[in-house]
Amino acid sequence: MKWGELRRIAVSNGWILKRNGSNHDIYHHPDREDLLLISRHSSEEIKNGTFNKLKKQIGF
C-alpha cells in the first residue's frame, strides 16, 4: 500500500489533519489521545512493519 492510499483511509475513518511536520503530516482523532504520523511520500510503498502498526492505530 502507498502512503497516499493510507492517508485517504485515515481521513475516511475520522482522522483530521492537525499540522504539517517537516517530513510527515500529523493527524489526530477526536475520540483518541494519540497522534498519527503519515509520510508525505504519497507514491512510495509503506514497509510491512510500519503498515501493520498504522493499520492498528487507524482502526481498519
N, C-alpha and C. Protein backbone atom coordinates (compact mmCIF):
# COMPACT_ATOMS: atom_id res chain seq x y z
N MET A 1 0.85 -1.17 0.00
CA MET A 1 0.00 0.00 0.00
C MET A 1 0.90 1.24 0.00
N LYS A 2 0.42 2.27 -0.63
CA LYS A 2 1.17 3.52 -0.71
C LYS A 2 0.68 4.50 0.35
N TRP A 3 1.51 5.50 0.66
CA TRP A 3 1.18 6.47 1.70
C TRP A 3 -0.08 7.27 1.36
N GLY A 4 -0.29 7.57 0.09
CA GLY A 4 -1.48 8.33 -0.32
C GLY A 4 -2.77 7.56 -0.06
N GLU A 5 -2.73 6.25 -0.31
CA GLU A 5 -3.91 5.41 -0.04
C GLU A 5 -4.19 5.35 1.46
N LEU A 6 -3.13 5.23 2.26
CA LEU A 6 -3.29 5.18 3.71
C LEU A 6 -3.87 6.49 4.23
N ARG A 7 -3.43 7.61 3.66
CA ARG A 7 -3.94 8.92 4.06
C ARG A 7 -5.46 9.01 3.80
N ARG A 8 -5.91 8.54 2.64
CA ARG A 8 -7.34 8.57 2.32
C ARG A 8 -8.14 7.69 3.28
N ILE A 9 -7.61 6.52 3.64
CA ILE A 9 -8.30 5.63 4.57
C ILE A 9 -8.38 6.28 5.95
N ALA A 10 -7.30 6.91 6.39
CA ALA A 10 -7.29 7.55 7.71
C ALA A 10 -8.33 8.66 7.78
N VAL A 11 -8.40 9.48 6.76
CA VAL A 11 -9.37 10.58 6.74
C VAL A 11 -10.80 10.04 6.72
N SER A 12 -11.02 8.96 5.99
CA SER A 12 -12.37 8.39 5.95
C SER A 12 -12.75 7.73 7.28
N ASN A 13 -11.75 7.39 8.12
CA ASN A 13 -12.02 6.82 9.44
C ASN A 13 -12.06 7.87 10.54
N GLY A 14 -12.06 9.15 10.18
CA GLY A 14 -12.26 10.20 11.16
C GLY A 14 -11.01 10.94 11.60
N TRP A 15 -9.84 10.63 11.06
CA TRP A 15 -8.62 11.34 11.42
C TRP A 15 -8.60 12.70 10.73
N ILE A 16 -8.18 13.72 11.45
CA ILE A 16 -8.19 15.11 10.96
C ILE A 16 -6.77 15.64 10.97
N LEU A 17 -6.38 16.33 9.89
CA LEU A 17 -5.05 16.92 9.80
C LEU A 17 -4.89 17.99 10.87
N LYS A 18 -3.91 17.81 11.73
CA LYS A 18 -3.65 18.77 12.81
C LYS A 18 -2.62 19.79 12.37
N ARG A 19 -1.49 19.30 11.83
CA ARG A 19 -0.45 20.21 11.35
C ARG A 19 0.50 19.45 10.43
N ASN A 20 1.33 20.21 9.75
CA ASN A 20 2.35 19.62 8.88
C ASN A 20 3.69 19.68 9.60
N GLY A 21 4.32 18.52 9.74
CA GLY A 21 5.68 18.47 10.27
C GLY A 21 6.66 18.66 9.13
N SER A 22 7.94 18.45 9.39
CA SER A 22 8.93 18.66 8.34
C SER A 22 8.87 17.56 7.28
N ASN A 23 8.65 16.30 7.70
CA ASN A 23 8.59 15.19 6.75
C ASN A 23 7.28 14.43 6.78
N HIS A 24 6.45 14.69 7.78
CA HIS A 24 5.21 13.95 7.96
C HIS A 24 4.05 14.91 8.20
N ASP A 25 2.86 14.45 7.86
CA ASP A 25 1.64 15.15 8.24
C ASP A 25 1.16 14.52 9.54
N ILE A 26 0.70 15.35 10.46
CA ILE A 26 0.30 14.88 11.78
C ILE A 26 -1.21 14.98 11.90
N TYR A 27 -1.86 13.85 12.18
CA TYR A 27 -3.31 13.76 12.27
C TYR A 27 -3.72 13.44 13.69
N HIS A 28 -4.91 13.89 14.09
CA HIS A 28 -5.47 13.50 15.38
C HIS A 28 -6.90 13.03 15.16
N HIS A 29 -7.39 12.26 16.12
CA HIS A 29 -8.75 11.73 16.07
C HIS A 29 -9.49 12.31 17.26
N PRO A 30 -10.72 12.80 17.08
CA PRO A 30 -11.44 13.43 18.19
C PRO A 30 -11.71 12.49 19.36
N ASP A 31 -11.75 11.18 19.13
CA ASP A 31 -12.06 10.23 20.20
C ASP A 31 -10.82 9.61 20.83
N ARG A 32 -9.63 9.95 20.35
CA ARG A 32 -8.40 9.35 20.84
C ARG A 32 -7.41 10.42 21.24
N GLU A 33 -6.45 10.04 22.07
CA GLU A 33 -5.43 10.99 22.51
C GLU A 33 -4.15 10.92 21.69
N ASP A 34 -3.93 9.81 20.98
CA ASP A 34 -2.68 9.64 20.24
C ASP A 34 -2.70 10.39 18.91
N LEU A 35 -1.52 10.58 18.35
CA LEU A 35 -1.35 11.25 17.06
C LEU A 35 -0.94 10.21 16.02
N LEU A 36 -1.27 10.49 14.79
CA LEU A 36 -0.94 9.62 13.66
C LEU A 36 0.00 10.38 12.74
N LEU A 37 1.17 9.80 12.46
CA LEU A 37 2.15 10.42 11.57
C LEU A 37 2.12 9.71 10.23
N ILE A 38 1.85 10.46 9.16
CA ILE A 38 1.81 9.90 7.82
C ILE A 38 2.81 10.65 6.95
N SER A 39 3.69 9.89 6.32
CA SER A 39 4.73 10.46 5.48
C SER A 39 4.13 11.19 4.28
N ARG A 40 4.84 12.18 3.79
CA ARG A 40 4.36 12.92 2.62
C ARG A 40 4.77 12.28 1.30
N HIS A 41 5.47 11.17 1.33
CA HIS A 41 5.89 10.48 0.11
C HIS A 41 4.73 9.62 -0.38
N SER A 42 3.73 10.25 -0.97
CA SER A 42 2.47 9.57 -1.27
C SER A 42 2.60 8.45 -2.29
N SER A 43 3.61 8.47 -3.15
CA SER A 43 3.74 7.41 -4.16
C SER A 43 4.68 6.30 -3.70
N GLU A 44 5.25 6.41 -2.52
CA GLU A 44 6.18 5.41 -2.00
C GLU A 44 5.43 4.32 -1.24
N GLU A 45 5.90 3.09 -1.37
CA GLU A 45 5.29 1.96 -0.66
C GLU A 45 5.63 2.03 0.82
N ILE A 46 4.69 1.59 1.66
CA ILE A 46 4.90 1.54 3.11
C ILE A 46 5.52 0.19 3.45
N LYS A 47 6.51 0.20 4.33
CA LYS A 47 7.13 -1.05 4.76
C LYS A 47 6.13 -1.83 5.61
N ASN A 48 6.25 -3.16 5.61
CA ASN A 48 5.26 -4.03 6.25
C ASN A 48 5.08 -3.76 7.74
N GLY A 49 6.15 -3.62 8.50
CA GLY A 49 6.04 -3.37 9.93
C GLY A 49 5.36 -2.04 10.23
N THR A 50 5.72 -1.02 9.49
CA THR A 50 5.11 0.29 9.66
C THR A 50 3.63 0.25 9.29
N PHE A 51 3.31 -0.46 8.21
CA PHE A 51 1.93 -0.57 7.77
C PHE A 51 1.07 -1.26 8.83
N ASN A 52 1.57 -2.35 9.41
CA ASN A 52 0.80 -3.07 10.42
C ASN A 52 0.55 -2.21 11.66
N LYS A 53 1.55 -1.44 12.08
CA LYS A 53 1.39 -0.55 13.23
C LYS A 53 0.34 0.52 12.94
N LEU A 54 0.43 1.15 11.78
CA LEU A 54 -0.51 2.21 11.43
C LEU A 54 -1.91 1.67 11.20
N LYS A 55 -2.01 0.47 10.67
CA LYS A 55 -3.33 -0.16 10.44
C LYS A 55 -4.06 -0.34 11.77
N LYS A 56 -3.36 -0.79 12.78
CA LYS A 56 -3.97 -0.95 14.11
C LYS A 56 -4.36 0.40 14.70
N GLN A 57 -3.48 1.39 14.52
CA GLN A 57 -3.74 2.71 15.07
C GLN A 57 -4.93 3.39 14.40
N ILE A 58 -5.05 3.25 13.09
CA ILE A 58 -6.16 3.86 12.36
C ILE A 58 -7.47 3.12 12.67
N GLY A 59 -7.41 1.81 12.75
CA GLY A 59 -8.58 1.04 13.09
C GLY A 59 -9.30 0.43 11.90
N PHE A 60 -8.55 -0.13 10.96
CA PHE A 60 -9.17 -0.85 9.84
C PHE A 60 -8.56 -2.20 9.67
